[in-house]
């Protein structure tokens, strides 16, 4: 059975991707801080309650998974964002964004790369549309996502000859609980104003179904219209 590792799998995009992978016959190791609100059961959905920024403990869990499974898919989805003038952030928030959004995906790729090469696997990094543009009041968040995108591009160039695919997905405003730390959120008054998490899962499915000789490395997903809602 093919095995996937998905971070940020307890809600939103990560949860929808996990459900989609299960429907495709994958065994999914989903990492999240809290699965208590997940009203879903599948024997192949292994819920790993873990703070992924605790790197040493996290890597030990990954090593155990590697010994027992053939990991062929890594989805780096976990992300955190704090928004506002940069001077109003604190060092703890900055560290949290850099660690979760950039360091952990790099660590996971490092730890799993030999297995992914052996299995001709796929790495999917959930970046953000903010990686490509100036992001006023989101400088650090955008910088971490831009770093993730650049890392993905460079890693693909490094390992493409091994058959491993590396894909960056850049969603715009997505309906999820991601904006819980912000004073704004997606405008959910009209579905034209946001991307549904299920749409991201469908995009991941289309990536997995591509021919082995084709590599789609960069996908940007936007709602047809743009409007945010102030809290």
Protein backbone atom coordinates (compact mmCIF):
# COMPACT_ATOMS: atom_id res chain seq x y z
CA UNK A 1 0.00 0.00 0.00
CA UNK A 2 1.26 3.48 -0.88
CA UNK A 3 1.95 5.64 2.13
CA UNK A 4 1.61 9.42 2.40
CA UNK A 5 2.67 11.86 5.10
CA UNK A 6 0.55 14.99 5.43
CA UNK A 7 1.25 17.80 7.89
CA UNK A 8 -1.51 20.05 9.13
CA UNK A 9 -3.97 17.20 8.55
CA UNK A 10 -6.46 17.90 11.34
CA UNK A 11 -8.45 20.58 9.48
CA UNK A 12 -8.81 22.64 6.33
CA UNK A 13 -6.66 21.88 3.31
CA UNK A 14 -4.65 19.12 4.99
CA UNK A 15 -7.76 17.26 6.14
CA UNK A 16 -9.38 17.44 2.69
CA UNK A 17 -6.16 16.22 1.06
CA UNK A 18 -5.98 13.34 3.54
CA UNK A 19 -9.55 12.24 2.79
CA UNK A 20 -8.88 12.40 -0.93
CA UNK A 21 -5.73 10.28 -0.57
CA UNK A 22 -7.63 7.68 1.44
CA UNK A 23 -10.18 7.47 -1.36
CA UNK A 24 -7.30 6.74 -3.74
CA UNK A 25 -6.09 3.84 -1.61
CA UNK A 26 -3.27 5.53 0.30
CA UNK A 27 -2.38 4.94 3.90
CA UNK A 28 -2.11 8.43 5.37
CA UNK A 29 -0.09 9.51 8.37
CA UNK A 30 -1.65 12.85 9.25
CA UNK A 31 0.12 15.19 11.63
CA UNK A 32 -1.70 17.82 13.65
CA UNK A 33 -1.88 19.39 17.07
CA UNK A 34 -5.50 18.46 17.77
CA UNK A 35 -7.76 15.94 16.05
CA UNK A 36 -10.59 16.25 18.59
CA UNK A 37 -12.85 18.01 16.07
CA UNK A 38 -12.29 15.42 13.33
CA UNK A 39 -15.55 13.52 12.94
CA UNK A 40 -14.11 10.97 10.54
CA UNK A 41 -12.71 7.48 10.82
CA UNK A 42 -10.71 5.35 8.43
CA UNK A 43 -8.39 2.56 9.52
CA UNK A 44 -5.78 3.84 7.06
CA UNK A 45 -5.85 7.36 8.49
CA UNK A 46 -3.24 7.37 11.25
CA UNK A 47 -3.65 10.51 13.31
CA UNK A 48 -0.34 11.64 14.77
CA UNK A 49 -0.87 14.25 17.48
CA UNK A 50 2.38 16.16 17.43
CA UNK A 51 3.95 19.60 17.58
CA UNK A 52 6.03 19.36 14.42
CA UNK A 53 8.27 22.22 15.54
CA UNK A 54 9.65 19.90 18.23
CA UNK A 55 12.09 18.67 15.61
CA UNK A 56 13.86 15.84 17.41
CA UNK A 57 10.65 14.16 18.59
CA UNK A 58 9.05 14.72 15.20
CA UNK A 59 11.93 13.12 13.29
CA UNK A 60 11.80 10.07 15.56
CA UNK A 61 8.17 9.52 14.57
CA UNK A 62 9.06 9.93 10.89
CA UNK A 63 11.91 7.41 11.23
CA UNK A 64 9.49 4.88 12.73
CA UNK A 65 7.04 5.42 9.86
CA UNK A 66 9.84 4.94 7.32
CA UNK A 67 10.83 1.60 8.83
CA UNK A 68 7.29 0.24 8.57
CA UNK A 69 6.06 1.76 5.30
CA UNK A 70 7.06 2.72 1.78
CA UNK A 71 6.59 6.47 1.81
CA UNK A 72 5.92 7.73 -1.70
CA UNK A 73 4.16 11.04 -1.04
CA UNK A 74 4.97 13.99 1.23
CA UNK A 75 2.53 16.88 1.55
CA UNK A 76 3.97 19.82 3.47
CA UNK A 77 0.76 21.63 4.32
CA UNK A 78 1.11 22.82 7.92
CA UNK A 79 1.35 26.58 8.09
CA UNK A 80 0.92 29.48 10.47
CA UNK A 81 0.46 33.15 9.73
CA UNK A 82 0.50 36.32 11.82
CA UNK A 83 -0.39 39.55 10.10
CA UNK A 84 0.01 43.25 10.81
CA UNK A 85 2.84 45.80 10.80
CA UNK A 86 6.14 43.98 11.18
CA UNK A 87 7.12 46.07 14.21
CA UNK A 88 4.04 44.76 16.04
CA UNK A 89 5.03 41.12 15.74
CA UNK A 90 7.11 39.54 18.48
CA UNK A 91 10.11 37.19 18.15
CA UNK A 92 8.00 34.17 19.15
CA UNK A 93 5.56 34.71 16.29
CA UNK A 94 8.35 35.27 13.79
CA UNK A 95 10.12 32.09 14.94
CA UNK A 96 6.86 30.13 14.72
CA UNK A 97 6.29 31.15 11.11
CA UNK A 98 9.85 30.47 10.00
CA UNK A 99 9.94 27.10 11.75
CA UNK A 100 6.52 25.82 10.65
CA UNK A 101 6.37 27.24 7.13
CA UNK A 102 9.97 26.78 6.01
CA UNK A 103 12.26 24.85 8.35
CA UNK A 104 10.00 21.84 8.90
CA UNK A 105 9.34 21.23 5.16
CA UNK A 106 13.09 21.37 4.58
CA UNK A 107 13.72 18.92 7.42
CA UNK A 108 11.04 16.52 6.20
CA UNK A 109 12.42 16.54 2.66
CA UNK A 110 15.88 15.89 4.05
CA UNK A 111 14.75 12.95 6.19
CA UNK A 112 12.51 11.36 3.54
CA UNK A 113 14.42 12.05 0.33
CA UNK A 114 16.20 8.71 0.05
CA UNK A 115 12.90 6.87 0.45
CA UNK A 116 11.14 9.13 -2.03
CA UNK A 117 13.92 8.57 -4.56
CA UNK A 118 13.67 4.82 -4.10
CA UNK A 119 9.89 4.95 -4.60
CA UNK A 120 9.95 7.66 -7.31
CA UNK A 121 7.72 9.69 -5.05
CA UNK A 122 6.18 13.14 -5.03
CA UNK A 123 6.69 16.14 -2.77
CA UNK A 124 3.86 18.66 -2.67
CA UNK A 125 4.51 21.91 -0.84
CA UNK A 126 1.48 24.07 -0.03
CA UNK A 127 2.89 27.56 -0.42
CA UNK A 128 0.80 30.71 -0.87
CA UNK A 129 -0.01 33.27 -3.52
CA UNK A 130 1.74 35.75 -1.22
CA UNK A 131 5.03 34.06 -2.14
CA UNK A 132 4.88 35.77 -5.52
CA UNK A 133 3.90 39.30 -4.61
CA UNK A 134 4.60 42.12 -2.18
CA UNK A 135 2.65 41.40 0.99
CA UNK A 136 2.08 44.50 3.08
CA UNK A 137 1.29 43.57 6.70
CA UNK A 138 2.39 40.03 6.00
CA UNK A 139 6.12 40.47 5.37
CA UNK A 140 7.39 37.52 7.39
CA UNK A 141 4.65 35.12 6.33
CA UNK A 142 5.19 35.97 2.66
CA UNK A 143 8.96 35.61 3.07
CA UNK A 144 8.61 32.11 4.53
CA UNK A 145 6.32 31.05 1.69
CA UNK A 146 8.61 32.61 -0.93
CA UNK A 147 11.45 30.66 0.64
CA UNK A 148 9.42 27.46 0.45
CA UNK A 149 8.65 28.05 -3.21
CA UNK A 150 12.28 28.77 -4.06
CA UNK A 151 13.38 25.70 -2.09
CA UNK A 152 10.89 23.59 -4.08
CA UNK A 153 12.19 24.87 -7.41
CA UNK A 154 15.81 24.29 -6.45
CA UNK A 155 15.12 20.84 -5.02
CA UNK A 156 13.31 19.77 -8.17
CA UNK A 157 16.29 20.86 -10.26
CA UNK A 158 18.56 18.87 -7.96
CA UNK A 159 16.62 15.59 -7.94
CA UNK A 160 14.52 15.55 -11.10
CA UNK A 161 16.78 12.96 -12.72
CA UNK A 162 15.81 10.51 -9.95
CA UNK A 163 12.14 10.63 -10.97
CA UNK A 164 10.96 12.49 -7.85
CA UNK A 165 8.49 15.29 -8.55
CA UNK A 166 8.37 18.50 -6.49
CA UNK A 167 5.29 20.68 -6.80
CA UNK A 168 4.45 24.05 -5.26
CA UNK A 169 0.78 24.93 -4.90
CA UNK A 170 -0.02 28.60 -4.34
CA UNK A 171 -3.56 29.06 -3.02
CA UNK A 172 -5.16 32.47 -2.63
CA UNK A 173 -7.81 33.14 0.05
CA UNK A 174 -9.03 29.71 1.11
CA UNK A 175 -11.99 28.89 3.31
CA UNK A 176 -10.41 27.39 6.43
CA UNK A 177 -9.45 28.33 9.97
CA UNK A 178 -6.05 29.62 8.82
CA UNK A 179 -6.97 33.26 9.42
CA UNK A 180 -7.81 32.70 13.09
CA UNK A 181 -4.79 34.82 14.08
CA UNK A 182 -5.65 37.70 11.73
CA UNK A 183 -8.10 40.59 11.89
CA UNK A 184 -9.50 39.49 8.53
CA UNK A 185 -10.67 36.32 6.84
CA UNK A 186 -12.06 35.12 3.53
CA UNK A 187 -15.37 36.72 2.56
CA UNK A 188 -17.68 33.71 2.64
CA UNK A 189 -20.77 35.61 1.51
CA UNK A 190 -20.18 34.37 -2.05
CA UNK A 191 -18.18 31.36 -3.23
CA UNK A 192 -16.63 33.56 -5.93
CA UNK A 193 -14.57 35.24 -3.18
CA UNK A 194 -12.67 32.23 -1.85
CA UNK A 195 -11.12 28.88 -2.76
CA UNK A 196 -12.64 25.86 -1.07
CA UNK A 197 -10.23 23.42 0.59
CA UNK A 198 -11.76 20.62 -1.45
CA UNK A 199 -10.54 22.35 -4.61
CA UNK A 200 -6.95 22.14 -3.36
CA UNK A 201 -7.44 18.42 -2.69
CA UNK A 202 -8.75 17.99 -6.24
CA UNK A 203 -5.63 19.73 -7.57
CA UNK A 204 -3.44 17.33 -5.58
CA UNK A 205 -5.34 14.42 -7.07
CA UNK A 206 -4.73 15.73 -10.58
CA UNK A 207 -0.99 15.98 -9.81
CA UNK A 208 -0.91 12.37 -8.67
CA UNK A 209 -2.62 11.25 -11.87
CA UNK A 210 -0.14 12.94 -14.21
CA UNK A 211 2.02 10.74 -16.42
CA UNK A 212 5.40 9.97 -14.90
CA UNK A 213 7.18 11.85 -17.70
CA UNK A 214 5.29 15.09 -16.97
CA UNK A 215 6.14 17.37 -14.05
CA UNK A 216 3.81 20.23 -13.18
CA UNK A 217 5.93 22.18 -10.71
CA UNK A 218 3.98 25.37 -10.01
CA UNK A 219 0.23 25.86 -9.61
CA UNK A 220 -1.56 29.04 -8.51
CA UNK A 221 -5.22 28.89 -7.51
CA UNK A 222 -7.34 32.00 -7.13
CA UNK A 223 -11.01 32.75 -6.63
CA UNK A 224 -12.65 34.53 -9.52
CA UNK A 225 -13.21 37.66 -7.39
CA UNK A 226 -11.25 39.22 -4.55
CA UNK A 227 -12.68 40.58 -1.32
CA UNK A 228 -11.80 40.01 2.34
CA UNK A 229 -13.94 40.33 5.42
CA UNK A 230 -12.79 42.37 8.42
CA UNK A 231 -13.45 40.73 11.76
